[in-house]
Amino acid sequence: MNDDLPPYDQAAAQAVELGNQLADADTSADLWDIADGLLAGAIQYWLYTRQPCADPACQDCAPLATAEMRLKELQRLVEELARTSEYFHSANDYGAGRA
């Protein structure tokens, strides 16, 4: 792992590497199950880190002060990350144009 990378890039790279390691360790494993498990863990960690502090007037916590606000932000972030992924579109997508 390149320690010169920012923590965001390190975390993303390690998540991909963990998925690859799990798939290599059990070649009969369903890749979708591995990916779903990685996503579940990432969501758990994201929600854990976004818990508001004990001060109800905290301005830093205000944008994520309720479970619904955290969910909305998580959904926004997931959509942004998915749409900017190099894997978002596939040549095999239904209705994809072919020249």
PDB file of N, CA and C in Angstrom:
ATOM      1  N   MET A   1       0.847  -1.175   0.000  1.00  0.00           N
ATOM      2  CA  MET A   1       0.000   0.000   0.000  1.00  0.00           C
ATOM      3  C   MET A   1       0.887   1.231   0.000  1.00  0.00           C
ATOM      4  N   ASN A   2       0.521   2.205  -0.792  1.00  0.00           N
ATOM      5  CA  ASN A   2       1.280   3.441  -0.909  1.00  0.00           C
ATOM      6  C   ASN A   2       0.853   4.401   0.198  1.00  0.00           C
ATOM      7  N   ASP A   3       1.745   4.603   1.192  1.00  0.00           N
ATOM      8  CA  ASP A   3       1.426   5.481   2.315  1.00  0.00           C
ATOM      9  C   ASP A   3       1.370   6.940   1.907  1.00  0.00           C
ATOM     10  N   ASP A   4       1.805   7.263   0.683  1.00  0.00           N
ATOM     11  CA  ASP A   4       1.744   8.637   0.205  1.00  0.00           C
ATOM     12  C   ASP A   4       0.333   9.022  -0.237  1.00  0.00           C
ATOM     13  N   LEU A   5      -0.523   8.034  -0.442  1.00  0.00           N
ATOM     14  CA  LEU A   5      -1.894   8.302  -0.863  1.00  0.00           C
ATOM     15  C   LEU A   5      -2.700   8.857   0.304  1.00  0.00           C
ATOM     16  N   PRO A   6      -3.662   9.718   0.005  1.00  0.00           N
ATOM     17  CA  PRO A   6      -4.566  10.200   1.062  1.00  0.00           C
ATOM     18  C   PRO A   6      -5.381   9.033   1.635  1.00  0.00           C
ATOM     19  N   PRO A   7      -5.857   9.162   2.878  1.00  0.00           N
ATOM     20  CA  PRO A   7      -6.630   8.073   3.501  1.00  0.00           C
ATOM     21  C   PRO A   7      -7.819   7.613   2.659  1.00  0.00           C
ATOM     22  N   TYR A   8      -8.505   8.535   1.975  1.00  0.00           N
ATOM     23  CA  TYR A   8      -9.635   8.163   1.114  1.00  0.00           C
ATOM     24  C   TYR A   8      -9.185   7.159   0.059  1.00  0.00           C
ATOM     25  N   ASP A   9      -8.100   7.469  -0.640  1.00  0.00           N
ATOM     26  CA  ASP A   9      -7.612   6.589  -1.704  1.00  0.00           C
ATOM     27  C   ASP A   9      -7.095   5.269  -1.139  1.00  0.00           C
ATOM     28  N   GLN A  10      -6.450   5.320   0.019  1.00  0.00           N
ATOM     29  CA  GLN A  10      -5.975   4.089   0.652  1.00  0.00           C
ATOM     30  C   GLN A  10      -7.141   3.179   1.020  1.00  0.00           C
ATOM     31  N   ALA A  11      -8.191   3.757   1.606  1.00  0.00           N
ATOM     32  CA  ALA A  11      -9.350   2.967   2.011  1.00  0.00           C
ATOM     33  C   ALA A  11     -10.029   2.329   0.796  1.00  0.00           C
ATOM     34  N   ALA A  12     -10.199   3.095  -0.266  1.00  0.00           N
ATOM     35  CA  ALA A  12     -10.843   2.564  -1.473  1.00  0.00           C
ATOM     36  C   ALA A  12     -10.008   1.425  -2.071  1.00  0.00           C
ATOM     37  N   ALA A  13      -8.706   1.628  -2.148  1.00  0.00           N
ATOM     38  CA  ALA A  13      -7.828   0.603  -2.716  1.00  0.00           C
ATOM     39  C   ALA A  13      -7.830  -0.659  -1.856  1.00  0.00           C
ATOM     40  N   GLN A  14      -7.828  -0.495  -0.547  1.00  0.00           N
ATOM     41  CA  GLN A  14      -7.822  -1.664   0.332  1.00  0.00           C
ATOM     42  C   GLN A  14      -9.147  -2.419   0.271  1.00  0.00           C
ATOM     43  N   ALA A  15     -10.251  -1.717   0.074  1.00  0.00           N
ATOM     44  CA  ALA A  15     -11.545  -2.390  -0.065  1.00  0.00           C
ATOM     45  C   ALA A  15     -11.555  -3.251  -1.323  1.00  0.00           C
ATOM     46  N   VAL A  16     -11.039  -2.709  -2.422  1.00  0.00           N
ATOM     47  CA  VAL A  16     -10.957  -3.483  -3.671  1.00  0.00           C
ATOM     48  C   VAL A  16     -10.032  -4.673  -3.478  1.00  0.00           C
ATOM     49  N   GLU A  17      -8.900  -4.460  -2.835  1.00  0.00           N
ATOM     50  CA  GLU A  17      -7.945  -5.551  -2.605  1.00  0.00           C
ATOM     51  C   GLU A  17      -8.559  -6.634  -1.726  1.00  0.00           C
ATOM     52  N   LEU A  18      -9.307  -6.248  -0.703  1.00  0.00           N
ATOM     53  CA  LEU A  18      -9.964  -7.239   0.153  1.00  0.00           C
ATOM     54  C   LEU A  18     -10.967  -8.059  -0.653  1.00  0.00           C
ATOM     55  N   GLY A  19     -11.734  -7.411  -1.504  1.00  0.00           N
ATOM     56  CA  GLY A  19     -12.665  -8.144  -2.362  1.00  0.00           C
ATOM     57  C   GLY A  19     -11.934  -9.140  -3.243  1.00  0.00           C
ATOM     58  N   ASN A  20     -10.832  -8.717  -3.827  1.00  0.00           N
ATOM     59  CA  ASN A  20     -10.038  -9.615  -4.673  1.00  0.00           C
ATOM     60  C   ASN A  20      -9.473 -10.783  -3.866  1.00  0.00           C
ATOM     61  N   GLN A  21      -8.998 -10.513  -2.661  1.00  0.00           N
ATOM     62  CA  GLN A  21      -8.450 -11.579  -1.808  1.00  0.00           C
ATOM     63  C   GLN A  21      -9.521 -12.598  -1.447  1.00  0.00           C
ATOM     64  N   LEU A  22     -10.708 -12.117  -1.094  1.00  0.00           N
ATOM     65  CA  LEU A  22     -11.801 -13.029  -0.754  1.00  0.00           C
ATOM     66  C   LEU A  22     -12.206 -13.872  -1.956  1.00  0.00           C
ATOM     67  N   ALA A  23     -12.260 -13.261  -3.125  1.00  0.00           N
ATOM     68  CA  ALA A  23     -12.615 -13.998  -4.346  1.00  0.00           C
ATOM     69  C   ALA A  23     -11.542 -15.022  -4.697  1.00  0.00           C
ATOM     70  N   ASP A  24     -10.275 -14.657  -4.537  1.00  0.00           N
ATOM     71  CA  ASP A  24      -9.177 -15.587  -4.824  1.00  0.00           C
ATOM     72  C   ASP A  24      -9.144 -16.749  -3.837  1.00  0.00           C
ATOM     73  N   ALA A  25      -9.500 -16.479  -2.585  1.00  0.00           N
ATOM     74  CA  ALA A  25      -9.453 -17.503  -1.546  1.00  0.00           C
ATOM     75  C   ALA A  25     -10.565 -18.538  -1.713  1.00  0.00           C
ATOM     76  N   ASP A  26     -11.665 -18.145  -2.298  1.00  0.00           N
ATOM     77  CA  ASP A  26     -12.802 -19.056  -2.506  1.00  0.00           C
ATOM     78  C   ASP A  26     -13.337 -18.830  -3.912  1.00  0.00           C
ATOM     79  N   THR A  27     -12.787 -19.576  -4.859  1.00  0.00           N
ATOM     80  CA  THR A  27     -13.162 -19.372  -6.259  1.00  0.00           C
ATOM     81  C   THR A  27     -14.611 -19.733  -6.543  1.00  0.00           C
ATOM     82  N   SER A  28     -15.277 -20.446  -5.622  1.00  0.00           N
ATOM     83  CA  SER A  28     -16.689 -20.760  -5.822  1.00  0.00           C
ATOM     84  C   SER A  28     -17.596 -19.691  -5.204  1.00  0.00           C
ATOM     85  N   ALA A  29     -17.010 -18.703  -4.540  1.00  0.00           N
ATOM     86  CA  ALA A  29     -17.805 -17.655  -3.909  1.00  0.00           C
ATOM     87  C   ALA A  29     -18.499 -16.801  -4.969  1.00  0.00           C
ATOM     88  N   ASP A  30     -19.685 -16.341  -4.644  1.00  0.00           N
ATOM     89  CA  ASP A  30     -20.429 -15.453  -5.522  1.00  0.00           C
ATOM     90  C   ASP A  30     -19.846 -14.052  -5.383  1.00  0.00           C
ATOM     91  N   LEU A  31     -19.347 -13.487  -6.466  1.00  0.00           N
ATOM     92  CA  LEU A  31     -18.729 -12.161  -6.418  1.00  0.00           C
ATOM     93  C   LEU A  31     -19.713 -11.093  -5.961  1.00  0.00           C
ATOM     94  N   TRP A  32     -20.966 -11.267  -6.301  1.00  0.00           N
ATOM     95  CA  TRP A  32     -21.979 -10.304  -5.850  1.00  0.00           C
ATOM     96  C   TRP A  32     -22.111 -10.348  -4.325  1.00  0.00           C
ATOM     97  N   ASP A  33     -22.040 -11.561  -3.729  1.00  0.00           N
ATOM     98  CA  ASP A  33     -22.103 -11.677  -2.273  1.00  0.00           C
ATOM     99  C   ASP A  33     -20.917 -10.975  -1.621  1.00  0.00           C
ATOM    100  N   ILE A  34     -19.740 -11.134  -2.194  1.00  0.00           N
ATOM    101  CA  ILE A  34     -18.550 -10.460  -1.666  1.00  0.00           C
ATOM    102  C   ILE A  34     -18.743  -8.953  -1.747  1.00  0.00           C
ATOM    103  N   ALA A  35     -19.167  -8.471  -2.903  1.00  0.00           N
ATOM    104  CA  ALA A  35     -19.368  -7.030  -3.089  1.00  0.00           C
ATOM    105  C   ALA A  35     -20.442  -6.496  -2.139  1.00  0.00           C
ATOM    106  N   ASP A  36     -21.533  -7.244  -1.979  1.00  0.00           N
ATOM    107  CA  ASP A  36     -22.595  -6.809  -1.067  1.00  0.00           C
ATOM    108  C   ASP A  36     -22.093  -6.753   0.371  1.00  0.00           C
ATOM    109  N   GLY A  37     -21.261  -7.706   0.755  1.00  0.00           N
ATOM    110  CA  GLY A  37     -20.688  -7.701   2.104  1.00  0.00           C
ATOM    111  C   GLY A  37     -19.753  -6.525   2.323  1.00  0.00           C
ATOM    112  N   LEU A  38     -18.935  -6.228   1.333  1.00  0.00           N
ATOM    113  CA  LEU A  38     -18.062  -5.056   1.428  1.00  0.00           C
ATOM    114  C   LEU A  38     -18.878  -3.773   1.543  1.00  0.00           C
ATOM    115  N   LEU A  39     -19.931  -3.682   0.753  1.00  0.00           N
ATOM    116  CA  LEU A  39     -20.791  -2.504   0.804  1.00  0.00           C
ATOM    117  C   LEU A  39     -21.477  -2.387   2.162  1.00  0.00           C
ATOM    118  N   ALA A  40     -21.973  -3.501   2.690  1.00  0.00           N
ATOM    119  CA  ALA A  40     -22.629  -3.489   3.999  1.00  0.00           C
ATOM    120  C   ALA A  40     -21.668  -2.993   5.078  1.00  0.00           C
ATOM    121  N   GLY A  41     -20.445  -3.478   5.040  1.00  0.00           N
ATOM    122  CA  GLY A  41     -19.455  -3.028   6.017  1.00  0.00           C
ATOM    123  C   GLY A  41     -19.116  -1.562   5.856  1.00  0.00           C
ATOM    124  N   ALA A  42     -18.997  -1.111   4.620  1.00  0.00           N
ATOM    125  CA  ALA A  42     -18.691   0.297   4.366  1.00  0.00           C
ATOM    126  C   ALA A  42     -19.827   1.193   4.856  1.00  0.00           C
ATOM    127  N   ILE A  43     -21.057   0.771   4.638  1.00  0.00           N
ATOM    128  CA  ILE A  43     -22.202   1.557   5.095  1.00  0.00           C
ATOM    129  C   ILE A  43     -22.224   1.611   6.623  1.00  0.00           C
ATOM    130  N   GLN A  44     -21.993   0.471   7.262  1.00  0.00           N
ATOM    131  CA  GLN A  44     -21.951   0.453   8.724  1.00  0.00           C
ATOM    132  C   GLN A  44     -20.909   1.440   9.246  1.00  0.00           C
ATOM    133  N   TYR A  45     -19.718   1.403   8.662  1.00  0.00           N
ATOM    134  CA  TYR A  45     -18.641   2.290   9.120  1.00  0.00           C
ATOM    135  C   TYR A  45     -18.995   3.751   8.845  1.00  0.00           C
ATOM    136  N   TRP A  46     -19.547   4.030   7.680  1.00  0.00           N
ATOM    137  CA  TRP A  46     -19.932   5.405   7.328  1.00  0.00           C
ATOM    138  C   TRP A  46     -20.957   5.928   8.323  1.00  0.00           C
ATOM    139  N   LEU A  47     -21.994   5.136   8.611  1.00  0.00           N
ATOM    140  CA  LEU A  47     -23.021   5.567   9.556  1.00  0.00           C
ATOM    141  C   LEU A  47     -22.447   5.756  10.958  1.00  0.00           C
ATOM    142  N   TYR A  48     -21.553   4.871  11.357  1.00  0.00           N
ATOM    143  CA  TYR A  48     -20.906   4.979  12.668  1.00  0.00           C
ATOM    144  C   TYR A  48     -20.146   6.300  12.780  1.00  0.00           C
ATOM    145  N   THR A  49     -19.438   6.675  11.718  1.00  0.00           N
ATOM    146  CA  THR A  49     -18.629   7.893  11.780  1.00  0.00           C
ATOM    147  C   THR A  49     -19.457   9.153  11.656  1.00  0.00           C
ATOM    148  N   ARG A  50     -20.716   9.038  11.283  1.00  0.00           N
ATOM    149  CA  ARG A  50     -21.566  10.216  11.099  1.00  0.00           C
ATOM    150  C   ARG A  50     -22.552  10.427  12.244  1.00  0.00           C
ATOM    151  N   GLN A  51     -22.360   9.742  13.361  1.00  0.00           N
ATOM    152  CA  GLN A  51     -23.238   9.937  14.511  1.00  0.00           C
ATOM    153  C   GLN A  51     -23.050  11.343  15.062  1.00  0.00           C
ATOM    154  N   PRO A  52     -24.140  12.050  15.312  1.00  0.00           N
ATOM    155  CA  PRO A  52     -24.006  13.405  15.858  1.00  0.00           C
ATOM    156  C   PRO A  52     -23.498  13.365  17.300  1.00  0.00           C
ATOM    157  N   CYS A  53     -22.852  14.446  17.704  1.00  0.00           N
ATOM    158  CA  CYS A  53     -22.364  14.545  19.076  1.00  0.00           C
ATOM    159  C   CYS A  53     -23.540  14.782  20.028  1.00  0.00           C
ATOM    160  N   ALA A  54     -23.256  14.891  21.301  1.00  0.00           N
ATOM    161  CA  ALA A  54     -24.304  15.031  22.316  1.00  0.00           C
ATOM    162  C   ALA A  54     -24.895  16.437  22.388  1.00  0.00           C
ATOM    163  N   ASP A  55     -24.292  17.401  21.714  1.00  0.00           N
ATOM    164  CA  ASP A  55     -24.769  18.780  21.761  1.00  0.00           C
ATOM    165  C   ASP A  55     -25.826  18.997  20.676  1.00  0.00           C
ATOM    166  N   PRO A  56     -27.116  19.128  21.048  1.00  0.00           N
ATOM    167  CA  PRO A  56     -28.164  19.296  20.039  1.00  0.00           C
ATOM    168  C   PRO A  56     -28.047  20.590  19.237  1.00  0.00           C
ATOM    169  N   ALA A  57     -27.263  21.548  19.717  1.00  0.00           N
ATOM    170  CA  ALA A  57     -27.086  22.814  19.008  1.00  0.00           C
ATOM    171  C   ALA A  57     -25.792  22.845  18.181  1.00  0.00           C
ATOM    172  N   CYS A  58     -25.112  21.720  18.072  1.00  0.00           N
ATOM    173  CA  CYS A  58     -23.841  21.673  17.345  1.00  0.00           C
ATOM    174  C   CYS A  58     -24.064  21.950  15.859  1.00  0.00           C
ATOM    175  N   GLN A  59     -23.444  22.990  15.369  1.00  0.00           N
ATOM    176  CA  GLN A  59     -23.598  23.366  13.958  1.00  0.00           C
ATOM    177  C   GLN A  59     -22.878  22.395  13.028  1.00  0.00           C
ATOM    178  N   ASP A  60     -21.782  21.775  13.487  1.00  0.00           N
ATOM    179  CA  ASP A  60     -21.069  20.800  12.662  1.00  0.00           C
ATOM    180  C   ASP A  60     -21.912  19.553  12.412  1.00  0.00           C
ATOM    181  N   CYS A  61     -22.703  19.175  13.399  1.00  0.00           N
ATOM    182  CA  CYS A  61     -23.519  17.966  13.291  1.00  0.00           C
ATOM    183  C   CYS A  61     -24.888  18.220  12.662  1.00  0.00           C
ATOM    184  N   ALA A  62     -25.291  19.478  12.562  1.00  0.00           N
ATOM    185  CA  ALA A  62     -26.639  19.816  12.100  1.00  0.00           C
ATOM    186  C   ALA A  62     -27.020  19.177  10.764  1.00  0.00           C
ATOM    187  N   PRO A  63     -26.133  19.131   9.747  1.00  0.00           N
ATOM    188  CA  PRO A  63     -26.545  18.549   8.454  1.00  0.00           C
ATOM    189  C   PRO A  63     -26.858  17.049   8.523  1.00  0.00           C
ATOM    190  N   LEU A  64     -26.390  16.370   9.583  1.00  0.00           N
ATOM    191  CA  LEU A  64     -26.609  14.924   9.710  1.00  0.00           C
ATOM    192  C   LEU A  64     -27.217  14.590  11.065  1.00  0.00           C
ATOM    193  N   ALA A  65     -28.059  15.474  11.578  1.00  0.00           N
ATOM    194  CA  ALA A  65     -28.567  15.372  12.940  1.00  0.00           C
ATOM    195  C   ALA A  65     -29.624  14.290  13.140  1.00  0.00           C
ATOM    196  N   THR A  66     -30.217  13.783  12.058  1.00  0.00           N
ATOM    197  CA  THR A  66     -31.229  12.729  12.188  1.00  0.00           C
ATOM    198  C   THR A  66     -30.859  11.550  11.294  1.00  0.00           C
ATOM    199  N   ALA A  67     -31.457  10.419  11.601  1.00  0.00           N
ATOM    200  CA  ALA A  67     -31.213   9.228  10.783  1.00  0.00           C
ATOM    201  C   ALA A  67     -31.618   9.470   9.336  1.00  0.00           C
ATOM    202  N   GLU A  68     -32.737  10.142   9.125  1.00  0.00           N
ATOM    203  CA  GLU A  68     -33.204  10.413   7.761  1.00  0.00           C
ATOM    204  C   GLU A  68     -32.239  11.343   7.012  1.00  0.00           C
ATOM    205  N   MET A  69     -31.689  12.319   7.717  1.00  0.00           N
ATOM    206  CA  MET A  69     -30.717  13.230   7.077  1.00  0.00           C
ATOM    207  C   MET A  69     -29.447  12.469   6.698  1.00  0.00           C
ATOM    208  N   ARG A  70     -29.017  11.544   7.579  1.00  0.00           N
ATOM    209  CA  ARG A  70     -27.831  10.738   7.265  1.00  0.00           C
ATOM    210  C   ARG A  70     -28.109   9.833   6.078  1.00  0.00           C
ATOM    211  N   LEU A  71     -29.287   9.230   6.040  1.00  0.00           N
ATOM    212  CA  LEU A  71     -29.645   8.363   4.923  1.00  0.00           C
ATOM    213  C   LEU A  71     -29.664   9.140   3.615  1.00  0.00           C
ATOM    214  N   LYS A  72     -30.240  10.321   3.628  1.00  0.00           N
ATOM    215  CA  LYS A  72     -30.295  11.137   2.412  1.00  0.00           C
ATOM    216  C   LYS A  72     -28.888  11.481   1.930  1.00  0.00           C
ATOM    217  N   GLU A  73     -27.996  11.836   2.843  1.00  0.00           N
ATOM    218  CA  GLU A  73     -26.616  12.153   2.464  1.00  0.00           C
ATOM    219  C   GLU A  73     -25.901  10.910   1.954  1.00  0.00           C
ATOM    220  N   LEU A  74     -26.133   9.775   2.581  1.00  0.00           N
ATOM    221  CA  LEU A  74     -25.524   8.524   2.126  1.00  0.00           C
ATOM    222  C   LEU A  74     -25.998   8.181   0.719  1.00  0.00           C
ATOM    223  N   GLN A  75     -27.277   8.327   0.453  1.00  0.00           N
ATOM    224  CA  GLN A  75     -27.815   8.048  -0.876  1.00  0.00           C
ATOM    225  C   GLN A  75     -27.216   8.995  -1.916  1.00  0.00           C
ATOM    226  N   ARG A  76     -27.075  10.271  -1.558  1.00  0.00           N
ATOM    227  CA  ARG A  76     -26.483  11.249  -2.466  1.00  0.00           C
ATOM    228  C   ARG A  76     -25.036  10.861  -2.783  1.00  0.00           C
ATOM    229  N   LEU A  77     -24.303  10.480  -1.758  1.00  0.00           N
ATOM    230  CA  LEU A  77     -22.902  10.112  -1.932  1.00  0.00           C
ATOM    231  C   LEU A  77     -22.756   8.837  -2.765  1.00  0.00           C
ATOM    232  N   VAL A  78     -23.595   7.844  -2.507  1.00  0.00           N
ATOM    233  CA  VAL A  78     -23.542   6.596  -3.277  1.00  0.00           C
ATOM    234  C   VAL A  78     -23.819   6.870  -4.748  1.00  0.00           C
ATOM    235  N   GLU A  79     -24.824   7.698  -5.034  1.00  0.00           N
ATOM    236  CA  GLU A  79     -25.128   8.009  -6.432  1.00  0.00           C
ATOM    237  C   GLU A  79     -23.946   8.729  -7.091  1.00  0.00           C
ATOM    238  N   GLU A  80     -23.365   9.689  -6.397  1.00  0.00           N
ATOM    239  CA  GLU A  80     -22.217  10.417  -6.957  1.00  0.00           C
ATOM    240  C   GLU A  80     -21.050   9.478  -7.234  1.00  0.00           C
ATOM    241  N   LEU A  81     -20.734   8.622  -6.279  1.00  0.00           N
ATOM    242  CA  LEU A  81     -19.606   7.701  -6.450  1.00  0.00           C
ATOM    243  C   LEU A  81     -19.888   6.694  -7.560  1.00  0.00           C
ATOM    244  N   ALA A  82     -21.121   6.214  -7.652  1.00  0.00           N
ATOM    245  CA  ALA A  82     -21.464   5.263  -8.708  1.00  0.00           C
ATOM    246  C   ALA A  82     -21.366   5.908 -10.080  1.00  0.00           C
ATOM    247  N   ARG A  83     -21.932   7.100 -10.216  1.00  0.00           N
ATOM    248  CA  ARG A  83     -21.952   7.757 -11.524  1.00  0.00           C
ATOM    249  C   ARG A  83     -20.563   8.162 -12.002  1.00  0.00           C
ATOM    250  N   THR A  84     -19.638   8.378 -11.073  1.00  0.00           N
ATOM    251  CA  THR A  84     -18.288   8.762 -11.476  1.00  0.00           C
ATOM    252  C   THR A  84     -17.350   7.556 -11.598  1.00  0.00           C
ATOM    253  N   SER A  85     -17.869   6.363 -11.341  1.00  0.00           N
ATOM    254  CA  SER A  85     -17.059   5.152 -11.450  1.00  0.00           C
ATOM    255  C   SER A  85     -16.823   4.788 -12.914  1.00  0.00           C
ATOM    256  N   GLU A  86     -15.634   4.298 -13.195  1.00  0.00           N
ATOM    257  CA  GLU A  86     -15.344   3.838 -14.556  1.00  0.00           C
ATOM    258  C   GLU A  86     -16.164   2.604 -14.914  1.00  0.00           C
ATOM    259  N   TYR A  87     -16.772   1.970 -13.926  1.00  0.00           N
ATOM    260  CA  TYR A  87     -17.572   0.767 -14.158  1.00  0.00           C
ATOM    261  C   TYR A  87     -19.070   1.050 -14.213  1.00  0.00           C
ATOM    262  N   PHE A  88     -19.479   2.321 -14.128  1.00  0.00           N
ATOM    263  CA  PHE A  88     -20.908   2.643 -14.106  1.00  0.00           C
ATOM    264  C   PHE A  88     -21.598   2.179 -15.385  1.00  0.00           C
ATOM    265  N   HIS A  89     -21.032   2.518 -16.520  1.00  0.00           N
ATOM    266  CA  HIS A  89     -21.597   2.082 -17.799  1.00  0.00           C
ATOM    267  C   HIS A  89     -20.829   0.858 -18.286  1.00  0.00           C
ATOM    268  N   SER A  90     -21.543  -0.022 -18.940  1.00  0.00           N
ATOM    269  CA  SER A  90     -20.947  -1.237 -19.482  1.00  0.00           C
ATOM    270  C   SER A  90     -21.403  -1.412 -20.924  1.00  0.00           C
ATOM    271  N   ALA A  91     -20.546  -1.958 -21.727  1.00  0.00           N
ATOM    272  CA  ALA A  91     -20.924  -2.244 -23.114  1.00  0.00           C
ATOM    273  C   ALA A  91     -22.066  -3.253 -23.168  1.00  0.00           C
ATOM    274  N   ASN A  92     -22.256  -3.993 -22.080  1.00  0.00           N
ATOM    275  CA  ASN A  92     -23.311  -5.003 -22.033  1.00  0.00           C
ATOM    276  C   ASN A  92     -24.598  -4.492 -21.393  1.00  0.00           C
ATOM    277  N   ASP A  93     -24.668  -3.211 -21.057  1.00  0.00           N
ATOM    278  CA  ASP A  93     -25.890  -2.644 -20.505  1.00  0.00           C
ATOM    279  C   ASP A  93     -27.035  -2.831 -21.500  1.00  0.00           C
ATOM    280  N   TYR A  94     -28.221  -3.133 -20.973  1.00  0.00           N
ATOM    281  CA  TYR A  94     -29.401  -3.255 -21.822  1.00  0.00           C
ATOM    282  C   TYR A  94     -29.640  -1.907 -22.496  1.00  0.00           C
ATOM    283  N   GLY A  95     -29.824  -1.930 -23.781  1.00  0.00           N
ATOM    284  CA  GLY A  95     -30.099  -0.716 -24.533  1.00  0.00           C
ATOM    285  C   GLY A  95     -28.868   0.094 -24.894  1.00  0.00           C
ATOM    286  N   ALA A  96     -27.677  -0.428 -24.570  1.00  0.00           N
ATOM    287  CA  ALA A  96     -26.462   0.297 -24.930  1.00  0.00           C
ATOM    288  C   ALA A  96     -26.323   0.310 -26.446  1.00  0.00           C
ATOM    289  N   GLY A  97     -25.999   1.450 -26.986  1.00  0.00           N
ATOM    290  CA  GLY A  97     -25.835   1.551 -28.431  1.00  0.00           C
ATOM    291  C   GLY A  97     -24.592   0.842 -28.900  1.00  0.00           C
ATOM    292  N   ARG A  98     -24.690   0.291 -30.083  1.00  0.00           N
ATOM    293  CA  ARG A  98     -23.526  -0.390 -30.687  1.00  0.00           C
ATOM    294  C   ARG A  98     -23.410   0.098 -32.115  1.00  0.00           C
ATOM    295  N   ALA A  99     -22.203   0.482 -32.446  1.00  0.00           N
ATOM    296  CA  ALA A  99     -21.970   0.992 -33.810  1.00  0.00           C
ATOM    297  C   ALA A  99     -21.481  -0.105 -34.717  1.00  0.00           C
TER     298      ALA A  99
END
